[in-house]
Amino acid sequence: MSPDDSISLDLLPEEVRENRPDEFMLPASTESEDPQFLLRRAVIRLLASRNDPTGVRDSILDTVEETVLRYFVDSGRYSQRELANLLSLSRVTLRKKLGRYGIS
């Protein structure tokens, strides 16, 4: 509590005073390896690192899409037909996306 009606920065938590949104906006994780927690933290760090948020949504979605495609193609477990089914894409759309990201 403040001794009077004023509020000073000294009364705020350190992470708020130092403006580190990646540390105070995320819920505490019981497992540091929880994939959703790690993804959320990475997204928040990306958002905090950008001065201009223009296009950030598309950038995040493109990065996630490319990562998912690379993971499944590199695994070698799926044909293009199976992968298209798995991702709810037509084979034509899958081939276009693979070409867009330079994945063979």
PDB file of N, CA and C in Angstrom:
ATOM      1  N   MET A   1       0.837  -1.190   0.000  1.00  0.00           N
ATOM      2  CA  MET A   1       0.000   0.000   0.000  1.00  0.00           C
ATOM      3  C   MET A   1       0.877   1.247   0.000  1.00  0.00           C
ATOM      4  N   SER A   2       0.339   2.253  -0.601  1.00  0.00           N
ATOM      5  CA  SER A   2       1.017   3.528  -0.625  1.00  0.00           C
ATOM      6  C   SER A   2       0.703   4.288   0.666  1.00  0.00           C
ATOM      7  N   PRO A   3       1.696   5.003   1.214  1.00  0.00           N
ATOM      8  CA  PRO A   3       1.431   5.751   2.441  1.00  0.00           C
ATOM      9  C   PRO A   3       0.429   6.892   2.241  1.00  0.00           C
ATOM     10  N   ASP A   4       0.264   7.341   1.013  1.00  0.00           N
ATOM     11  CA  ASP A   4      -0.726   8.385   0.721  1.00  0.00           C
ATOM     12  C   ASP A   4      -1.535   7.960  -0.501  1.00  0.00           C
ATOM     13  N   ASP A   5      -2.147   8.876  -1.170  1.00  0.00           N
ATOM     14  CA  ASP A   5      -2.996   8.551  -2.319  1.00  0.00           C
ATOM     15  C   ASP A   5      -2.224   8.461  -3.635  1.00  0.00           C
ATOM     16  N   SER A   6      -0.915   8.544  -3.597  1.00  0.00           N
ATOM     17  CA  SER A   6      -0.129   8.506  -4.830  1.00  0.00           C
ATOM     18  C   SER A   6       0.331   7.077  -5.126  1.00  0.00           C
ATOM     19  N   ILE A   7       0.607   6.861  -6.395  1.00  0.00           N
ATOM     20  CA  ILE A   7       1.122   5.568  -6.846  1.00  0.00           C
ATOM     21  C   ILE A   7       2.476   5.830  -7.491  1.00  0.00           C
ATOM     22  N   SER A   8       3.460   5.041  -7.111  1.00  0.00           N
ATOM     23  CA  SER A   8       4.772   5.193  -7.722  1.00  0.00           C
ATOM     24  C   SER A   8       5.187   3.865  -8.337  1.00  0.00           C
ATOM     25  N   LEU A   9       6.164   3.929  -9.218  1.00  0.00           N
ATOM     26  CA  LEU A   9       6.659   2.719  -9.868  1.00  0.00           C
ATOM     27  C   LEU A   9       7.235   1.729  -8.862  1.00  0.00           C
ATOM     28  N   ASP A  10       7.740   2.231  -7.749  1.00  0.00           N
ATOM     29  CA  ASP A  10       8.328   1.355  -6.735  1.00  0.00           C
ATOM     30  C   ASP A  10       7.318   0.361  -6.172  1.00  0.00           C
ATOM     31  N   LEU A  11       6.034   0.678  -6.278  1.00  0.00           N
ATOM     32  CA  LEU A  11       4.999  -0.197  -5.732  1.00  0.00           C
ATOM     33  C   LEU A  11       4.622  -1.324  -6.698  1.00  0.00           C
ATOM     34  N   LEU A  12       5.044  -1.194  -7.951  1.00  0.00           N
ATOM     35  CA  LEU A  12       4.695  -2.198  -8.953  1.00  0.00           C
ATOM     36  C   LEU A  12       5.710  -3.328  -8.970  1.00  0.00           C
ATOM     37  N   PRO A  13       5.279  -4.526  -9.397  1.00  0.00           N
ATOM     38  CA  PRO A  13       6.237  -5.633  -9.521  1.00  0.00           C
ATOM     39  C   PRO A  13       7.352  -5.275 -10.506  1.00  0.00           C
ATOM     40  N   GLU A  14       8.513  -5.859 -10.302  1.00  0.00           N
ATOM     41  CA  GLU A  14       9.682  -5.547 -11.129  1.00  0.00           C
ATOM     42  C   GLU A  14       9.416  -5.771 -12.613  1.00  0.00           C
ATOM     43  N   GLU A  15       8.730  -6.887 -12.969  1.00  0.00           N
ATOM     44  CA  GLU A  15       8.506  -7.167 -14.388  1.00  0.00           C
ATOM     45  C   GLU A  15       7.605  -6.129 -15.049  1.00  0.00           C
ATOM     46  N   VAL A  16       6.749  -5.468 -14.269  1.00  0.00           N
ATOM     47  CA  VAL A  16       5.915  -4.387 -14.808  1.00  0.00           C
ATOM     48  C   VAL A  16       6.755  -3.127 -14.942  1.00  0.00           C
ATOM     49  N   ARG A  17       7.555  -2.841 -13.926  1.00  0.00           N
ATOM     50  CA  ARG A  17       8.423  -1.646 -13.976  1.00  0.00           C
ATOM     51  C   ARG A  17       9.370  -1.704 -15.162  1.00  0.00           C
ATOM     52  N   GLU A  18       9.879  -2.883 -15.458  1.00  0.00           N
ATOM     53  CA  GLU A  18      10.850  -3.013 -16.543  1.00  0.00           C
ATOM     54  C   GLU A  18      10.196  -3.336 -17.872  1.00  0.00           C
ATOM     55  N   ASN A  19       8.862  -3.386 -17.899  1.00  0.00           N
ATOM     56  CA  ASN A  19       8.094  -3.608 -19.124  1.00  0.00           C
ATOM     57  C   ASN A  19       8.546  -4.865 -19.855  1.00  0.00           C
ATOM     58  N   ARG A  20       8.453  -6.016 -19.185  1.00  0.00           N
ATOM     59  CA  ARG A  20       8.792  -7.298 -19.784  1.00  0.00           C
ATOM     60  C   ARG A  20       7.512  -8.120 -19.884  1.00  0.00           C
ATOM     61  N   PRO A  21       6.711  -7.874 -20.934  1.00  0.00           N
ATOM     62  CA  PRO A  21       5.417  -8.544 -21.034  1.00  0.00           C
ATOM     63  C   PRO A  21       5.509 -10.057 -21.104  1.00  0.00           C
ATOM     64  N   ASP A  22       6.606 -10.586 -21.620  1.00  0.00           N
ATOM     65  CA  ASP A  22       6.710 -12.041 -21.723  1.00  0.00           C
ATOM     66  C   ASP A  22       6.774 -12.704 -20.358  1.00  0.00           C
ATOM     67  N   GLU A  23       7.102 -11.956 -19.310  1.00  0.00           N
ATOM     68  CA  GLU A  23       7.206 -12.547 -17.990  1.00  0.00           C
ATOM     69  C   GLU A  23       5.949 -12.381 -17.152  1.00  0.00           C
ATOM     70  N   PHE A  24       5.144 -11.361 -17.417  1.00  0.00           N
ATOM     71  CA  PHE A  24       3.985 -11.185 -16.559  1.00  0.00           C
ATOM     72  C   PHE A  24       2.660 -11.456 -17.251  1.00  0.00           C
ATOM     73  N   MET A  25       2.645 -11.709 -18.539  1.00  0.00           N
ATOM     74  CA  MET A  25       1.394 -11.962 -19.235  1.00  0.00           C
ATOM     75  C   MET A  25       1.084 -13.454 -19.343  1.00  0.00           C
ATOM     76  N   LEU A  26       2.060 -14.295 -19.101  1.00  0.00           N
ATOM     77  CA  LEU A  26       1.857 -15.728 -19.240  1.00  0.00           C
ATOM     78  C   LEU A  26       1.512 -16.376 -17.910  1.00  0.00           C
ATOM     79  N   PRO A  27       0.606 -17.335 -17.930  1.00  0.00           N
ATOM     80  CA  PRO A  27       0.364 -18.077 -16.697  1.00  0.00           C
ATOM     81  C   PRO A  27       1.574 -18.938 -16.368  1.00  0.00           C
ATOM     82  N   ALA A  28       1.772 -19.170 -15.120  1.00  0.00           N
ATOM     83  CA  ALA A  28       2.885 -20.032 -14.703  1.00  0.00           C
ATOM     84  C   ALA A  28       2.635 -21.443 -15.204  1.00  0.00           C
ATOM     85  N   SER A  29       3.666 -22.073 -15.702  1.00  0.00           N
ATOM     86  CA  SER A  29       3.546 -23.436 -16.201  1.00  0.00           C
ATOM     87  C   SER A  29       4.173 -24.392 -15.203  1.00  0.00           C
ATOM     88  N   THR A  30       3.482 -25.485 -14.969  1.00  0.00           N
ATOM     89  CA  THR A  30       4.048 -26.484 -14.071  1.00  0.00           C
ATOM     90  C   THR A  30       5.131 -27.274 -14.776  1.00  0.00           C
ATOM     91  N   GLU A  31       5.060 -27.352 -16.091  1.00  0.00           N
ATOM     92  CA  GLU A  31       6.076 -28.051 -16.867  1.00  0.00           C
ATOM     93  C   GLU A  31       6.690 -27.090 -17.859  1.00  0.00           C
ATOM     94  N   SER A  32       7.976 -26.856 -17.745  1.00  0.00           N
ATOM     95  CA  SER A  32       8.634 -25.915 -18.644  1.00  0.00           C
ATOM     96  C   SER A  32       8.670 -26.443 -20.075  1.00  0.00           C
ATOM     97  N   GLU A  33       8.382 -27.717 -20.271  1.00  0.00           N
ATOM     98  CA  GLU A  33       8.398 -28.288 -21.606  1.00  0.00           C
ATOM     99  C   GLU A  33       6.985 -28.447 -22.194  1.00  0.00           C
ATOM    100  N   ASP A  34       5.972 -27.863 -21.570  1.00  0.00           N
ATOM    101  CA  ASP A  34       4.617 -27.927 -22.099  1.00  0.00           C
ATOM    102  C   ASP A  34       4.599 -27.207 -23.450  1.00  0.00           C
ATOM    103  N   PRO A  35       4.298 -27.915 -24.553  1.00  0.00           N
ATOM    104  CA  PRO A  35       4.383 -27.315 -25.884  1.00  0.00           C
ATOM    105  C   PRO A  35       3.512 -26.070 -26.065  1.00  0.00           C
ATOM    106  N   GLN A  36       2.307 -26.076 -25.546  1.00  0.00           N
ATOM    107  CA  GLN A  36       1.449 -24.898 -25.702  1.00  0.00           C
ATOM    108  C   GLN A  36       2.009 -23.705 -24.938  1.00  0.00           C
ATOM    109  N   PHE A  37       2.540 -23.948 -23.766  1.00  0.00           N
ATOM    110  CA  PHE A  37       3.172 -22.884 -22.987  1.00  0.00           C
ATOM    111  C   PHE A  37       4.355 -22.300 -23.757  1.00  0.00           C
ATOM    112  N   LEU A  38       5.197 -23.166 -24.304  1.00  0.00           N
ATOM    113  CA  LEU A  38       6.367 -22.699 -25.053  1.00  0.00           C
ATOM    114  C   LEU A  38       5.965 -21.920 -26.296  1.00  0.00           C
ATOM    115  N   LEU A  39       4.918 -22.382 -26.981  1.00  0.00           N
ATOM    116  CA  LEU A  39       4.434 -21.677 -28.174  1.00  0.00           C
ATOM    117  C   LEU A  39       3.892 -20.304 -27.796  1.00  0.00           C
ATOM    118  N   ARG A  40       3.094 -20.258 -26.743  1.00  0.00           N
ATOM    119  CA  ARG A  40       2.555 -18.962 -26.305  1.00  0.00           C
ATOM    120  C   ARG A  40       3.680 -18.001 -25.942  1.00  0.00           C
ATOM    121  N   ARG A  41       4.681 -18.510 -25.227  1.00  0.00           N
ATOM    122  CA  ARG A  41       5.801 -17.655 -24.837  1.00  0.00           C
ATOM    123  C   ARG A  41       6.544 -17.139 -26.074  1.00  0.00           C
ATOM    124  N   ALA A  42       6.728 -17.997 -27.059  1.00  0.00           N
ATOM    125  CA  ALA A  42       7.418 -17.577 -28.287  1.00  0.00           C
ATOM    126  C   ALA A  42       6.611 -16.508 -29.023  1.00  0.00           C
ATOM    127  N   VAL A  43       5.304 -16.671 -29.089  1.00  0.00           N
ATOM    128  CA  VAL A  43       4.453 -15.684 -29.763  1.00  0.00           C
ATOM    129  C   VAL A  43       4.517 -14.350 -29.032  1.00  0.00           C
ATOM    130  N   ILE A  44       4.447 -14.378 -27.724  1.00  0.00           N
ATOM    131  CA  ILE A  44       4.506 -13.132 -26.951  1.00  0.00           C
ATOM    132  C   ILE A  44       5.855 -12.455 -27.114  1.00  0.00           C
ATOM    133  N   ARG A  45       6.915 -13.233 -27.148  1.00  0.00           N
ATOM    134  CA  ARG A  45       8.242 -12.641 -27.381  1.00  0.00           C
ATOM    135  C   ARG A  45       8.314 -12.001 -28.760  1.00  0.00           C
ATOM    136  N   LEU A  46       7.745 -12.664 -29.759  1.00  0.00           N
ATOM    137  CA  LEU A  46       7.724 -12.084 -31.101  1.00  0.00           C
ATOM    138  C   LEU A  46       6.954 -10.775 -31.102  1.00  0.00           C
ATOM    139  N   LEU A  47       5.782 -10.772 -30.487  1.00  0.00           N
ATOM    140  CA  LEU A  47       4.973  -9.554 -30.431  1.00  0.00           C
ATOM    141  C   LEU A  47       5.705  -8.434 -29.702  1.00  0.00           C
ATOM    142  N   ALA A  48       6.363  -8.769 -28.606  1.00  0.00           N
ATOM    143  CA  ALA A  48       7.077  -7.755 -27.823  1.00  0.00           C
ATOM    144  C   ALA A  48       8.296  -7.216 -28.568  1.00  0.00           C
ATOM    145  N   SER A  49       8.847  -7.997 -29.487  1.00  0.00           N
ATOM    146  CA  SER A  49      10.056  -7.571 -30.191  1.00  0.00           C
ATOM    147  C   SER A  49       9.767  -6.675 -31.385  1.00  0.00           C
ATOM    148  N   ARG A  50       8.510  -6.598 -31.789  1.00  0.00           N
ATOM    149  CA  ARG A  50       8.171  -5.821 -32.979  1.00  0.00           C
ATOM    150  C   ARG A  50       7.675  -4.439 -32.604  1.00  0.00           C
ATOM    151  N   ASN A  51       8.220  -3.433 -33.254  1.00  0.00           N
ATOM    152  CA  ASN A  51       7.747  -2.064 -33.037  1.00  0.00           C
ATOM    153  C   ASN A  51       6.432  -1.827 -33.760  1.00  0.00           C
ATOM    154  N   ASP A  52       6.261  -2.487 -34.893  1.00  0.00           N
ATOM    155  CA  ASP A  52       5.054  -2.318 -35.697  1.00  0.00           C
ATOM    156  C   ASP A  52       4.370  -3.669 -35.837  1.00  0.00           C
ATOM    157  N   PRO A  53       3.166  -3.809 -35.288  1.00  0.00           N
ATOM    158  CA  PRO A  53       2.495  -5.111 -35.336  1.00  0.00           C
ATOM    159  C   PRO A  53       1.836  -5.435 -36.683  1.00  0.00           C
ATOM    160  N   THR A  54       1.996  -4.572 -37.665  1.00  0.00           N
ATOM    161  CA  THR A  54       1.397  -4.814 -38.968  1.00  0.00           C
ATOM    162  C   THR A  54       1.895  -6.132 -39.551  1.00  0.00           C
ATOM    163  N   GLY A  55       0.981  -6.975 -39.938  1.00  0.00           N
ATOM    164  CA  GLY A  55       1.323  -8.238 -40.573  1.00  0.00           C
ATOM    165  C   GLY A  55       1.782  -9.330 -39.632  1.00  0.00           C
ATOM    166  N   VAL A  56       1.735  -9.082 -38.330  1.00  0.00           N
ATOM    167  CA  VAL A  56       2.255 -10.070 -37.386  1.00  0.00           C
ATOM    168  C   VAL A  56       1.415 -11.346 -37.393  1.00  0.00           C
ATOM    169  N   ARG A  57       0.121 -11.227 -37.556  1.00  0.00           N
ATOM    170  CA  ARG A  57      -0.741 -12.418 -37.576  1.00  0.00           C
ATOM    171  C   ARG A  57      -0.359 -13.329 -38.729  1.00  0.00           C
ATOM    172  N   ASP A  58      -0.226 -12.757 -39.922  1.00  0.00           N
ATOM    173  CA  ASP A  58       0.151 -13.555 -41.090  1.00  0.00           C
ATOM    174  C   ASP A  58       1.534 -14.171 -40.920  1.00  0.00           C
ATOM    175  N   SER A  59       2.448 -13.425 -40.333  1.00  0.00           N
ATOM    176  CA  SER A  59       3.795 -13.936 -40.114  1.00  0.00           C
ATOM    177  C   SER A  59       3.782 -15.137 -39.172  1.00  0.00           C
ATOM    178  N   ILE A  60       3.011 -15.047 -38.106  1.00  0.00           N
ATOM    179  CA  ILE A  60       2.915 -16.151 -37.143  1.00  0.00           C
ATOM    180  C   ILE A  60       2.270 -17.366 -37.787  1.00  0.00           C
ATOM    181  N   LEU A  61       1.172 -17.159 -38.501  1.00  0.00           N
ATOM    182  CA  LEU A  61       0.473 -18.279 -39.131  1.00  0.00           C
ATOM    183  C   LEU A  61       1.338 -18.952 -40.192  1.00  0.00           C
ATOM    184  N   ASP A  62       2.052 -18.151 -40.990  1.00  0.00           N
ATOM    185  CA  ASP A  62       2.953 -18.717 -42.003  1.00  0.00           C
ATOM    186  C   ASP A  62       4.055 -19.547 -41.356  1.00  0.00           C
ATOM    187  N   THR A  63       4.624 -19.048 -40.269  1.00  0.00           N
ATOM    188  CA  THR A  63       5.694 -19.764 -39.576  1.00  0.00           C
ATOM    189  C   THR A  63       5.195 -21.090 -39.020  1.00  0.00           C
ATOM    190  N   VAL A  64       4.022 -21.068 -38.403  1.00  0.00           N
ATOM    191  CA  VAL A  64       3.456 -22.304 -37.846  1.00  0.00           C
ATOM    192  C   VAL A  64       3.116 -23.284 -38.971  1.00  0.00           C
ATOM    193  N   GLU A  65       2.511 -22.790 -40.037  1.00  0.00           N
ATOM    194  CA  GLU A  65       2.148 -23.666 -41.153  1.00  0.00           C
ATOM    195  C   GLU A  65       3.391 -24.311 -41.774  1.00  0.00           C
ATOM    196  N   GLU A  66       4.425 -23.519 -42.011  1.00  0.00           N
ATOM    197  CA  GLU A  66       5.656 -24.070 -42.589  1.00  0.00           C
ATOM    198  C   GLU A  66       6.283 -25.107 -41.656  1.00  0.00           C
ATOM    199  N   THR A  67       6.279 -24.816 -40.374  1.00  0.00           N
ATOM    200  CA  THR A  67       6.856 -25.745 -39.394  1.00  0.00           C
ATOM    201  C   THR A  67       6.113 -27.068 -39.373  1.00  0.00           C
ATOM    202  N   VAL A  68       4.789 -27.014 -39.399  1.00  0.00           N
ATOM    203  CA  VAL A  68       3.968 -28.233 -39.407  1.00  0.00           C
ATOM    204  C   VAL A  68       4.235 -29.042 -40.673  1.00  0.00           C
ATOM    205  N   LEU A  69       4.244 -28.377 -41.810  1.00  0.00           N
ATOM    206  CA  LEU A  69       4.491 -29.077 -43.078  1.00  0.00           C
ATOM    207  C   LEU A  69       5.880 -29.719 -43.090  1.00  0.00           C
ATOM    208  N   ARG A  70       6.903 -28.965 -42.681  1.00  0.00           N
ATOM    209  CA  ARG A  70       8.270 -29.511 -42.659  1.00  0.00           C
ATOM    210  C   ARG A  70       8.364 -30.722 -41.719  1.00  0.00           C
ATOM    211  N   TYR A  71       7.723 -30.619 -40.569  1.00  0.00           N
ATOM    212  CA  TYR A  71       7.760 -31.717 -39.605  1.00  0.00           C
ATOM    213  C   TYR A  71       7.208 -32.999 -40.212  1.00  0.00           C
ATOM    214  N   PHE A  72       6.026 -32.913 -40.821  1.00  0.00           N
ATOM    215  CA  PHE A  72       5.401 -34.120 -41.361  1.00  0.00           C
ATOM    216  C   PHE A  72       6.111 -34.635 -42.608  1.00  0.00           C
ATOM    217  N   VAL A  73       6.573 -33.749 -43.469  1.00  0.00           N
ATOM    218  CA  VAL A  73       7.297 -34.191 -44.670  1.00  0.00           C
ATOM    219  C   VAL A  73       8.626 -34.827 -44.264  1.00  0.00           C
ATOM    220  N   ASP A  74       9.344 -34.180 -43.347  1.00  0.00           N
ATOM    221  CA  ASP A  74      10.638 -34.728 -42.895  1.00  0.00           C
ATOM    222  C   ASP A  74      10.492 -36.063 -42.169  1.00  0.00           C
ATOM    223  N   SER A  75       9.335 -36.293 -41.562  1.00  0.00           N
ATOM    224  CA  SER A  75       9.128 -37.559 -40.856  1.00  0.00           C
ATOM    225  C   SER A  75       9.087 -38.736 -41.827  1.00  0.00           C
ATOM    226  N   GLY A  76       8.701 -38.456 -43.071  1.00  0.00           N
ATOM    227  CA  GLY A  76       8.646 -39.508 -44.087  1.00  0.00           C
ATOM    228  C   GLY A  76       7.557 -40.545 -43.858  1.00  0.00           C
ATOM    229  N   ARG A  77       6.650 -40.287 -42.944  1.00  0.00           N
ATOM    230  CA  ARG A  77       5.619 -41.277 -42.611  1.00  0.00           C
ATOM    231  C   ARG A  77       4.362 -41.168 -43.460  1.00  0.00           C
ATOM    232  N   TYR A  78       4.217 -40.068 -44.202  1.00  0.00           N
ATOM    233  CA  TYR A  78       2.957 -39.833 -44.914  1.00  0.00           C
ATOM    234  C   TYR A  78       3.195 -39.565 -46.392  1.00  0.00           C
ATOM    235  N   SER A  79       2.330 -40.136 -47.218  1.00  0.00           N
ATOM    236  CA  SER A  79       2.316 -39.759 -48.622  1.00  0.00           C
ATOM    237  C   SER A  79       1.639 -38.390 -48.711  1.00  0.00           C
ATOM    238  N   GLN A  80       1.710 -37.753 -49.872  1.00  0.00           N
ATOM    239  CA  GLN A  80       1.038 -36.465 -50.018  1.00  0.00           C
ATOM    240  C   GLN A  80      -0.468 -36.610 -49.821  1.00  0.00           C
ATOM    241  N   ARG A  81      -1.017 -37.692 -50.294  1.00  0.00           N
ATOM    242  CA  ARG A  81      -2.460 -37.926 -50.115  1.00  0.00           C
ATOM    243  C   ARG A  81      -2.803 -38.025 -48.622  1.00  0.00           C
ATOM    244  N   GLU A  82      -2.016 -38.807 -47.880  1.00  0.00           N
ATOM    245  CA  GLU A  82      -2.263 -38.968 -46.445  1.00  0.00           C
ATOM    246  C   GLU A  82      -2.064 -37.653 -45.686  1.00  0.00           C
ATOM    247  N   LEU A  83      -1.020 -36.927 -46.063  1.00  0.00           N
ATOM    248  CA  LEU A  83      -0.747 -35.654 -45.408  1.00  0.00           C
ATOM    249  C   LEU A  83      -1.852 -34.642 -45.690  1.00  0.00           C
ATOM    250  N   ALA A  84      -2.313 -34.590 -46.920  1.00  0.00           N
ATOM    251  CA  ALA A  84      -3.412 -33.686 -47.262  1.00  0.00           C
ATOM    252  C   ALA A  84      -4.646 -34.024 -46.428  1.00  0.00           C
ATOM    253  N   ASN A  85      -4.966 -35.317 -46.316  1.00  0.00           N
ATOM    254  CA  ASN A  85      -6.095 -35.749 -45.486  1.00  0.00           C
ATOM    255  C   ASN A  85      -5.898 -35.346 -44.031  1.00  0.00           C
ATOM    256  N   LEU A  86      -4.715 -35.601 -43.506  1.00  0.00           N
ATOM    257  CA  LEU A  86      -4.398 -35.292 -42.119  1.00  0.00           C
ATOM    258  C   LEU A  86      -4.601 -33.804 -41.814  1.00  0.00           C
ATOM    259  N   LEU A  87      -4.212 -32.957 -42.758  1.00  0.00           N
ATOM    260  CA  LEU A  87      -4.288 -31.502 -42.571  1.00  0.00           C
ATOM    261  C   LEU A  87      -5.574 -30.890 -43.125  1.00  0.00           C
ATOM    262  N   SER A  88      -6.486 -31.730 -43.593  1.00  0.00           N
ATOM    263  CA  SER A  88      -7.767 -31.267 -44.168  1.00  0.00           C
ATOM    264  C   SER A  88      -7.556 -30.295 -45.327  1.00  0.00           C
ATOM    265  N   LEU A  89      -6.628 -30.663 -46.202  1.00  0.00           N
ATOM    266  CA  LEU A  89      -6.338 -29.876 -47.396  1.00  0.00           C
ATOM    267  C   LEU A  89      -6.564 -30.742 -48.621  1.00  0.00           C
ATOM    268  N   SER A  90      -6.830 -30.096 -49.748  1.00  0.00           N
ATOM    269  CA  SER A  90      -6.827 -30.863 -50.991  1.00  0.00           C
ATOM    270  C   SER A  90      -5.369 -31.121 -51.361  1.00  0.00           C
ATOM    271  N   ARG A  91      -5.127 -32.129 -52.183  1.00  0.00           N
ATOM    272  CA  ARG A  91      -3.741 -32.403 -52.594  1.00  0.00           C
ATOM    273  C   ARG A  91      -3.170 -31.238 -53.390  1.00  0.00           C
ATOM    274  N   VAL A  92      -4.002 -30.575 -54.166  1.00  0.00           N
ATOM    275  CA  VAL A  92      -3.539 -29.409 -54.948  1.00  0.00           C
ATOM    276  C   VAL A  92      -3.083 -28.300 -53.995  1.00  0.00           C
ATOM    277  N   THR A  93      -3.894 -28.017 -52.978  1.00  0.00           N
ATOM    278  CA  THR A  93      -3.536 -26.978 -52.009  1.00  0.00           C
ATOM    279  C   THR A  93      -2.272 -27.361 -51.254  1.00  0.00           C
ATOM    280  N   LEU A  94      -2.162 -28.623 -50.866  1.00  0.00           N
ATOM    281  CA  LEU A  94      -0.952 -29.080 -50.184  1.00  0.00           C
ATOM    282  C   LEU A  94       0.269 -28.862 -51.066  1.00  0.00           C
ATOM    283  N   ARG A  95       0.187 -29.251 -52.333  1.00  0.00           N
ATOM    284  CA  ARG A  95       1.333 -29.069 -53.235  1.00  0.00           C
ATOM    285  C   ARG A  95       1.697 -27.589 -53.386  1.00  0.00           C
ATOM    286  N   LYS A  96       0.699 -26.717 -53.451  1.00  0.00           N
ATOM    287  CA  LYS A  96       0.974 -25.271 -53.548  1.00  0.00           C
ATOM    288  C   LYS A  96       1.695 -24.771 -52.303  1.00  0.00           C
ATOM    289  N   LYS A  97       1.245 -25.225 -51.137  1.00  0.00           N
ATOM    290  CA  LYS A  97       1.873 -24.792 -49.887  1.00  0.00           C
ATOM    291  C   LYS A  97       3.291 -25.336 -49.782  1.00  0.00           C
ATOM    292  N   LEU A  98       3.503 -26.583 -50.169  1.00  0.00           N
ATOM    293  CA  LEU A  98       4.857 -27.127 -50.163  1.00  0.00           C
ATOM    294  C   LEU A  98       5.776 -26.337 -51.079  1.00  0.00           C
ATOM    295  N   GLY A  99       5.283 -25.974 -52.248  1.00  0.00           N
ATOM    296  CA  GLY A  99       6.066 -25.162 -53.174  1.00  0.00           C
ATOM    297  C   GLY A  99       6.359 -23.773 -52.627  1.00  0.00           C
ATOM    298  N   ARG A 100       5.369 -23.195 -51.973  1.00  0.00           N
ATOM    299  CA  ARG A 100       5.525 -21.852 -51.391  1.00  0.00           C
ATOM    300  C   ARG A 100       6.663 -21.809 -50.389  1.00  0.00           C
ATOM    301  N   TYR A 101       6.801 -22.885 -49.605  1.00  0.00           N
ATOM    302  CA  TYR A 101       7.820 -22.935 -48.570  1.00  0.00           C
ATOM    303  C   TYR A 101       9.087 -23.655 -49.038  1.00  0.00           C
ATOM    304  N   GLY A 102       9.131 -24.065 -50.289  1.00  0.00           N
ATOM    305  CA  GLY A 102      10.315 -24.747 -50.812  1.00  0.00           C
ATOM    306  C   GLY A 102      10.546 -26.108 -50.193  1.00  0.00           C
ATOM    307  N   ILE A 103       9.461 -26.799 -49.898  1.00  0.00           N
ATOM    308  CA  ILE A 103       9.541 -28.134 -49.293  1.00  0.00           C
ATOM    309  C   ILE A 103       9.295 -29.163 -50.383  1.00  0.00           C
ATOM    310  N   SER A 104      10.189 -30.145 -50.476  1.00  0.00           N
ATOM    311  CA  SER A 104       9.978 -31.172 -51.504  1.00  0.00           C
ATOM    312  C   SER A 104       9.683 -32.520 -50.888  1.00  0.00           C
TER     313      SER A 104
END
